PDB file of N, CA and C in Angstrom:
ATOM      1  N   MET A   1     -19.910  36.124  -3.931  1.00  0.00           N
ATOM      2  CA  MET A   1     -20.414  37.419  -4.015  1.00  0.00           C
ATOM      3  C   MET A   1     -21.795  37.716  -4.100  1.00  0.00           C
ATOM      4  N   GLN A   2     -22.169  36.593  -4.835  1.00  0.00           N
ATOM      5  CA  GLN A   2     -23.052  36.258  -6.044  1.00  0.00           C
ATOM      6  C   GLN A   2     -24.317  35.153  -5.137  1.00  0.00           C
ATOM      7  N   ARG A   3     -23.704  33.874  -4.864  1.00  0.00           N
ATOM      8  CA  ARG A   3     -23.539  32.937  -3.668  1.00  0.00           C
ATOM      9  C   ARG A   3     -24.257  32.921  -2.175  1.00  0.00           C
ATOM     10  N   GLU A   4     -23.643  34.388  -1.734  1.00  0.00           N
ATOM     11  CA  GLU A   4     -23.980  34.769  -0.660  1.00  0.00           C
ATOM     12  C   GLU A   4     -25.636  35.275  -0.517  1.00  0.00           C
ATOM     13  N   LEU A   5     -25.136  36.131  -2.112  1.00  0.00           N
ATOM     14  CA  LEU A   5     -26.425  37.010  -2.182  1.00  0.00           C
ATOM     15  C   LEU A   5     -27.673  36.074  -1.769  1.00  0.00           C
ATOM     16  N   GLU A   6     -27.581  34.966  -3.222  1.00  0.00           N
ATOM     17  CA  GLU A   6     -28.291  34.196  -3.470  1.00  0.00           C
ATOM     18  C   GLU A   6     -28.899  33.720  -1.983  1.00  0.00           C
ATOM     19  N   SER A   7     -28.326  32.891  -2.014  1.00  0.00           N
ATOM     20  CA  SER A   7     -28.441  32.439   0.194  1.00  0.00           C
ATOM     21  C   SER A   7     -29.227  33.214   0.740  1.00  0.00           C
ATOM     22  N   MET A   8     -28.687  34.735   0.736  1.00  0.00           N
ATOM     23  CA  MET A   8     -29.375  34.889   2.319  1.00  0.00           C
ATOM     24  C   MET A   8     -30.619  35.685   1.197  1.00  0.00           C
ATOM     25  N   THR A   9     -30.840  35.822  -0.044  1.00  0.00           N
ATOM     26  CA  THR A   9     -31.542  36.028  -0.045  1.00  0.00           C
ATOM     27  C   THR A   9     -33.583  34.564  -0.168  1.00  0.00           C
ATOM     28  N   ARG A  10     -32.846  33.512  -0.558  1.00  0.00           N
ATOM     29  CA  ARG A  10     -33.985  32.548  -0.028  1.00  0.00           C
ATOM     30  C   ARG A  10     -33.923  32.305   1.720  1.00  0.00           C
ATOM     31  N   GLU A  11     -33.306  32.433   1.929  1.00  0.00           N
ATOM     32  CA  GLU A  11     -33.937  32.602   3.821  1.00  0.00           C
ATOM     33  C   GLU A  11     -34.851  33.656   4.001  1.00  0.00           C
ATOM     34  N   VAL A  12     -34.350  34.411   3.661  1.00  0.00           N
ATOM     35  CA  VAL A  12     -35.411  35.697   3.718  1.00  0.00           C
ATOM     36  C   VAL A  12     -36.215  35.518   4.213  1.00  0.00           C
ATOM     37  N   VAL A  13     -36.970  35.266   1.885  1.00  0.00           N
ATOM     38  CA  VAL A  13     -38.236  34.504   1.597  1.00  0.00           C
ATOM     39  C   VAL A  13     -38.777  33.249   2.505  1.00  0.00           C
ATOM     40  N   MET A  14     -37.479  32.549   3.316  1.00  0.00           N
ATOM     41  CA  MET A  14     -38.227  30.993   3.917  1.00  0.00           C
ATOM     42  C   MET A  14     -38.951  31.550   4.937  1.00  0.00           C
ATOM     43  N   THR A  15     -37.837  32.704   5.472  1.00  0.00           N
ATOM     44  CA  THR A  15     -38.689  33.370   6.449  1.00  0.00           C
ATOM     45  C   THR A  15     -40.264  33.755   6.623  1.00  0.00           C
ATOM     46  N   VAL A  16     -40.396  34.798   5.362  1.00  0.00           N
ATOM     47  CA  VAL A  16     -41.910  35.808   5.393  1.00  0.00           C
ATOM     48  C   VAL A  16     -41.947  34.435   5.048  1.00  0.00           C
ATOM     49  N   LYS A  17     -42.257  33.421   4.425  1.00  0.00           N
ATOM     50  CA  LYS A  17     -43.074  32.254   4.454  1.00  0.00           C
ATOM     51  C   LYS A  17     -43.905  31.845   5.528  1.00  0.00           C
ATOM     52  N   GLU A  18     -42.531  32.035   7.158  1.00  0.00           N
ATOM     53  CA  GLU A  18     -42.821  30.772   7.586  1.00  0.00           C
ATOM     54  C   GLU A  18     -43.650  32.576   8.544  1.00  0.00           C
ATOM     55  N   ASP A  19     -43.224  32.588   8.226  1.00  0.00           N
ATOM     56  CA  ASP A  19     -43.854  33.953   9.265  1.00  0.00           C
ATOM     57  C   ASP A  19     -45.579  34.667   8.881  1.00  0.00           C
ATOM     58  N   TYR A  20     -45.312  34.127   7.339  1.00  0.00           N
ATOM     59  CA  TYR A  20     -46.401  34.699   7.247  1.00  0.00           C
ATOM     60  C   TYR A  20     -48.096  33.228   7.171  1.00  0.00           C
ATOM     61  N   PHE A  21     -47.687  32.242   7.061  1.00  0.00           N
ATOM     62  CA  PHE A  21     -48.319  30.864   6.877  1.00  0.00           C
ATOM     63  C   PHE A  21     -48.389  30.933   9.524  1.00  0.00           C
ATOM     64  N   ASP A  22     -47.703  31.043  10.053  1.00  0.00           N
ATOM     65  CA  ASP A  22     -48.166  31.414  11.472  1.00  0.00           C
ATOM     66  C   ASP A  22     -49.175  31.998  11.820  1.00  0.00           C
ATOM     67  N   LEU A  23     -49.020  33.799  11.295  1.00  0.00           N
ATOM     68  CA  LEU A  23     -50.139  34.612  11.354  1.00  0.00           C
ATOM     69  C   LEU A  23     -51.275  34.039  10.233  1.00  0.00           C
ATOM     70  N   TYR A  24     -51.012  32.958   9.450  1.00  0.00           N
ATOM     71  CA  TYR A  24     -52.856  32.415   8.511  1.00  0.00           C
ATOM     72  C   TYR A  24     -53.540  31.770   9.903  1.00  0.00           C
ATOM     73  N   ALA A  25     -52.759  30.930  10.415  1.00  0.00           N
ATOM     74  CA  ALA A  25     -52.465  29.945  11.235  1.00  0.00           C
ATOM     75  C   ALA A  25     -53.710  30.520  12.931  1.00  0.00           C
ATOM     76  N   PHE A  26     -52.873  31.276  12.668  1.00  0.00           N
ATOM     77  CA  PHE A  26     -52.746  32.582  14.552  1.00  0.00           C
ATOM     78  C   PHE A  26     -54.314  32.805  13.918  1.00  0.00           C
ATOM     79  N   ARG A  27     -54.694  33.423  13.008  1.00  0.00           N
ATOM     80  CA  ARG A  27     -55.475  34.125  12.559  1.00  0.00           C
ATOM     81  C   ARG A  27     -57.088  32.581  12.507  1.00  0.00           C
ATOM     82  N   GLN A  28     -56.881  31.579  11.850  1.00  0.00           N
ATOM     83  CA  GLN A  28     -58.138  30.441  11.803  1.00  0.00           C
ATOM     84  C   GLN A  28     -58.361  30.379  13.323  1.00  0.00           C
ATOM     85  N   CYS A  29     -57.105  29.972  13.975  1.00  0.00           N
ATOM     86  CA  CYS A  29     -57.364  29.927  15.022  1.00  0.00           C
ATOM     87  C   CYS A  29     -58.548  30.805  15.572  1.00  0.00           C
ATOM     88  N   SER A  30     -58.103  31.945  16.561  1.00  0.00           N
ATOM     89  CA  SER A  30     -58.778  32.532  17.091  1.00  0.00           C
ATOM     90  C   SER A  30     -59.415  32.936  16.379  1.00  0.00           C
ATOM     91  N   ARG A  31     -60.337  33.398  15.433  1.00  0.00           N
ATOM     92  CA  ARG A  31     -61.478  33.028  14.908  1.00  0.00           C
ATOM     93  C   ARG A  31     -61.889  31.788  15.979  1.00  0.00           C
ATOM     94  N   SER A  32     -62.042  30.238  15.288  1.00  0.00           N
ATOM     95  CA  SER A  32     -62.404  29.546  16.411  1.00  0.00           C
ATOM     96  C   SER A  32     -62.494  29.097  18.005  1.00  0.00           C
ATOM     97  N   ARG A  33     -61.831  29.118  18.298  1.00  0.00           N
ATOM     98  CA  ARG A  33     -61.318  29.418  19.837  1.00  0.00           C
ATOM     99  C   ARG A  33     -60.671  30.479  21.157  1.00  0.00           C
ATOM    100  N   GLY A  34     -60.263  31.243  19.870  1.00  0.00           N
ATOM    101  CA  GLY A  34     -59.785  33.431  21.471  1.00  0.00           C
ATOM    102  C   GLY A  34     -58.303  32.872  21.084  1.00  0.00           C
ATOM    103  N   ARG A  35     -58.414  34.321  21.809  1.00  0.00           N
ATOM    104  CA  ARG A  35     -57.073  34.705  21.673  1.00  0.00           C
ATOM    105  C   ARG A  35     -56.170  34.053  22.526  1.00  0.00           C
ATOM    106  N   ARG A  36     -55.876  33.977  23.669  1.00  0.00           N
ATOM    107  CA  ARG A  36     -55.271  32.957  24.002  1.00  0.00           C
ATOM    108  C   ARG A  36     -55.456  31.814  23.990  1.00  0.00           C
ATOM    109  N   GLY A  37     -55.905  30.910  23.850  1.00  0.00           N
ATOM    110  CA  GLY A  37     -56.332  29.742  23.773  1.00  0.00           C
ATOM    111  C   GLY A  37     -55.275  29.295  21.999  1.00  0.00           C
ATOM    112  N   CYS A  38     -55.242  30.505  20.872  1.00  0.00           N
ATOM    113  CA  CYS A  38     -54.207  30.440  20.289  1.00  0.00           C
ATOM    114  C   CYS A  38     -52.974  29.871  20.525  1.00  0.00           C
ATOM    115  N   LEU A  39     -52.737  31.569  21.440  1.00  0.00           N
ATOM    116  CA  LEU A  39     -51.083  31.435  21.930  1.00  0.00           C
ATOM    117  C   LEU A  39     -50.808  30.826  22.370  1.00  0.00           C
ATOM    118  N   GLN A  40     -51.579  30.109  24.197  1.00  0.00           N
ATOM    119  CA  GLN A  40     -50.819  28.961  24.089  1.00  0.00           C
ATOM    120  C   GLN A  40     -51.117  28.017  23.364  1.00  0.00           C
ATOM    121  N   ARG A  41     -51.876  27.297  22.362  1.00  0.00           N
ATOM    122  CA  ARG A  41     -51.410  26.278  21.653  1.00  0.00           C
ATOM    123  C   ARG A  41     -50.088  26.810  20.902  1.00  0.00           C
ATOM    124  N   MET A  42     -49.779  27.527  20.186  1.00  0.00           N
ATOM    125  CA  MET A  42     -49.077  27.369  19.304  1.00  0.00           C
ATOM    126  C   MET A  42     -47.857  28.237  20.266  1.00  0.00           C
ATOM    127  N   ALA A  43     -47.425  28.095  21.148  1.00  0.00           N
ATOM    128  CA  ALA A  43     -46.875  28.220  22.704  1.00  0.00           C
ATOM    129  C   ALA A  43     -45.997  27.068  22.791  1.00  0.00           C
ATOM    130  N   ARG A  44     -47.132  25.485  23.002  1.00  0.00           N
ATOM    131  CA  ARG A  44     -45.837  24.425  22.437  1.00  0.00           C
ATOM    132  C   ARG A  44     -45.315  24.148  21.903  1.00  0.00           C
ATOM    133  N   PRO A  45     -45.602  24.049  20.509  1.00  0.00           N
ATOM    134  CA  PRO A  45     -44.191  23.285  19.662  1.00  0.00           C
ATOM    135  C   PRO A  45     -42.948  24.708  20.016  1.00  0.00           C
ATOM    136  N   ALA A  46     -43.012  25.667  20.642  1.00  0.00           N
ATOM    137  CA  ALA A  46     -41.055  25.972  20.506  1.00  0.00           C
ATOM    138  C   ALA A  46     -41.367  25.604  21.520  1.00  0.00           C
ATOM    139  N   GLU A  47     -41.698  25.739  23.166  1.00  0.00           N
ATOM    140  CA  GLU A  47     -41.390  24.702  24.496  1.00  0.00           C
ATOM    141  C   GLU A  47     -40.377  23.385  23.256  1.00  0.00           C
ATOM    142  N   ALA A  48     -40.737  22.202  23.411  1.00  0.00           N
ATOM    143  CA  ALA A  48     -41.115  21.012  22.627  1.00  0.00           C
ATOM    144  C   ALA A  48     -39.500  21.331  21.496  1.00  0.00           C
ATOM    145  N   MET A  49     -39.724  22.726  20.735  1.00  0.00           N
ATOM    146  CA  MET A  49     -38.775  22.565  19.891  1.00  0.00           C
ATOM    147  C   MET A  49     -37.026  23.232  20.588  1.00  0.00           C
ATOM    148  N   TYR A  50     -37.896  23.962  21.891  1.00  0.00           N
ATOM    149  CA  TYR A  50     -36.602  24.291  22.365  1.00  0.00           C
ATOM    150  C   TYR A  50     -36.330  23.416  23.362  1.00  0.00           C
ATOM    151  N   SER A  51     -36.013  21.691  23.795  1.00  0.00           N
ATOM    152  CA  SER A  51     -36.037  20.670  24.626  1.00  0.00           C
ATOM    153  C   SER A  51     -34.843  20.671  23.489  1.00  0.00           C
ATOM    154  N   THR A  52     -35.536  20.029  22.155  1.00  0.00           N
ATOM    155  CA  THR A  52     -34.542  19.671  20.768  1.00  0.00           C
ATOM    156  C   THR A  52     -33.739  20.106  20.859  1.00  0.00           C
ATOM    157  N   GLY A  53     -33.358  21.528  21.374  1.00  0.00           N
ATOM    158  CA  GLY A  53     -32.229  22.567  20.356  1.00  0.00           C
ATOM    159  C   GLY A  53     -32.547  23.386  19.429  1.00  0.00           C
ATOM    160  N   GLU A  54     -33.728  23.317  19.491  1.00  0.00           N
ATOM    161  CA  GLU A  54     -34.257  23.568  17.491  1.00  0.00           C
ATOM    162  C   GLU A  54     -34.014  25.233  17.422  1.00  0.00           C
ATOM    163  N   ARG A  55     -34.864  25.267  18.632  1.00  0.00           N
ATOM    164  CA  ARG A  55     -34.894  27.056  19.419  1.00  0.00           C
ATOM    165  C   ARG A  55     -34.641  27.406  20.541  1.00  0.00           C
ATOM    166  N   THR A  56     -34.572  28.584  20.825  1.00  0.00           N
ATOM    167  CA  THR A  56     -33.521  28.829  21.262  1.00  0.00           C
ATOM    168  C   THR A  56     -34.919  29.549  23.129  1.00  0.00           C
ATOM    169  N   GLN A  57     -34.129  29.588  24.208  1.00  0.00           N
ATOM    170  CA  GLN A  57     -35.628  30.297  25.335  1.00  0.00           C
ATOM    171  C   GLN A  57     -35.475  31.034  25.103  1.00  0.00           C
ATOM    172  N   GLN A  58     -35.320  32.035  23.966  1.00  0.00           N
ATOM    173  CA  GLN A  58     -35.825  33.287  24.027  1.00  0.00           C
ATOM    174  C   GLN A  58     -37.169  33.657  23.425  1.00  0.00           C
ATOM    175  N   ASP A  59     -36.983  31.797  22.264  1.00  0.00           N
ATOM    176  CA  ASP A  59     -38.259  31.919  21.394  1.00  0.00           C
ATOM    177  C   ASP A  59     -39.731  31.413  22.661  1.00  0.00           C
ATOM    178  N   VAL A  60     -39.125  31.083  23.302  1.00  0.00           N
ATOM    179  CA  VAL A  60     -39.808  30.269  24.020  1.00  0.00           C
ATOM    180  C   VAL A  60     -40.839  31.415  24.754  1.00  0.00           C
ATOM    181  N   LEU A  61     -39.977  32.193  25.455  1.00  0.00           N
ATOM    182  CA  LEU A  61     -40.276  33.374  26.535  1.00  0.00           C
ATOM    183  C   LEU A  61     -40.529  33.897  25.842  1.00  0.00           C
ATOM    184  N   LYS A  62     -40.856  34.696  23.971  1.00  0.00           N
ATOM    185  CA  LYS A  62     -41.086  35.588  23.496  1.00  0.00           C
ATOM    186  C   LYS A  62     -42.960  35.095  22.910  1.00  0.00           C
ATOM    187  N   ALA A  63     -43.171  33.373  22.875  1.00  0.00           N
ATOM    188  CA  ALA A  63     -44.193  32.946  23.141  1.00  0.00           C
ATOM    189  C   ALA A  63     -45.193  33.554  23.626  1.00  0.00           C
ATOM    190  N   LYS A  64     -45.064  33.149  25.117  1.00  0.00           N
ATOM    191  CA  LYS A  64     -45.077  32.988  26.007  1.00  0.00           C
ATOM    192  C   LYS A  64     -45.505  34.277  26.854  1.00  0.00           C
ATOM    193  N   ALA A  65     -44.600  35.295  25.930  1.00  0.00           N
ATOM    194  CA  ALA A  65     -45.459  36.649  26.699  1.00  0.00           C
ATOM    195  C   ALA A  65     -46.020  36.992  26.081  1.00  0.00           C
ATOM    196  N   GLU A  66     -46.326  36.566  25.063  1.00  0.00           N
ATOM    197  CA  GLU A  66     -47.669  37.027  23.981  1.00  0.00           C
ATOM    198  C   GLU A  66     -49.151  37.013  25.030  1.00  0.00           C
ATOM    199  N   ILE A  67     -48.702  35.257  26.251  1.00  0.00           N
ATOM    200  CA  ILE A  67     -50.509  35.384  25.913  1.00  0.00           C
ATOM    201  C   ILE A  67     -50.727  36.189  27.228  1.00  0.00           C
ATOM    202  N   PRO A  68     -52.142  37.208  27.254  1.00  0.00           N
ATOM    203  CA  PRO A  68     -52.506  37.486  28.211  1.00  0.00           C
ATOM    204  C   PRO A  68     -52.712  36.666  29.308  1.00  0.00           C
ATOM    205  N   CYS A  69     -52.957  37.580  30.505  1.00  0.00           N
ATOM    206  CA  CYS A  69     -52.656  36.794  31.422  1.00  0.00           C
ATOM    207  C   CYS A  69     -54.563  36.383  31.878  1.00  0.00           C
TER     208      CYS A  69
END
């Protein structure tokens, strides 16, 4: 049980760090390019990762849904 807890803790920490760096990158990008351009730029890796099986279609749809029309 202890190992399982440690493993889950590491996964949560890794996810939080990834999300933090994604947010940081988006903020930096939005300062220079605008929100729409940044969201489009960030959706491209999700599409590429989906095509290789690393991400789900849901991830791609979420990224695209955030882009304003």
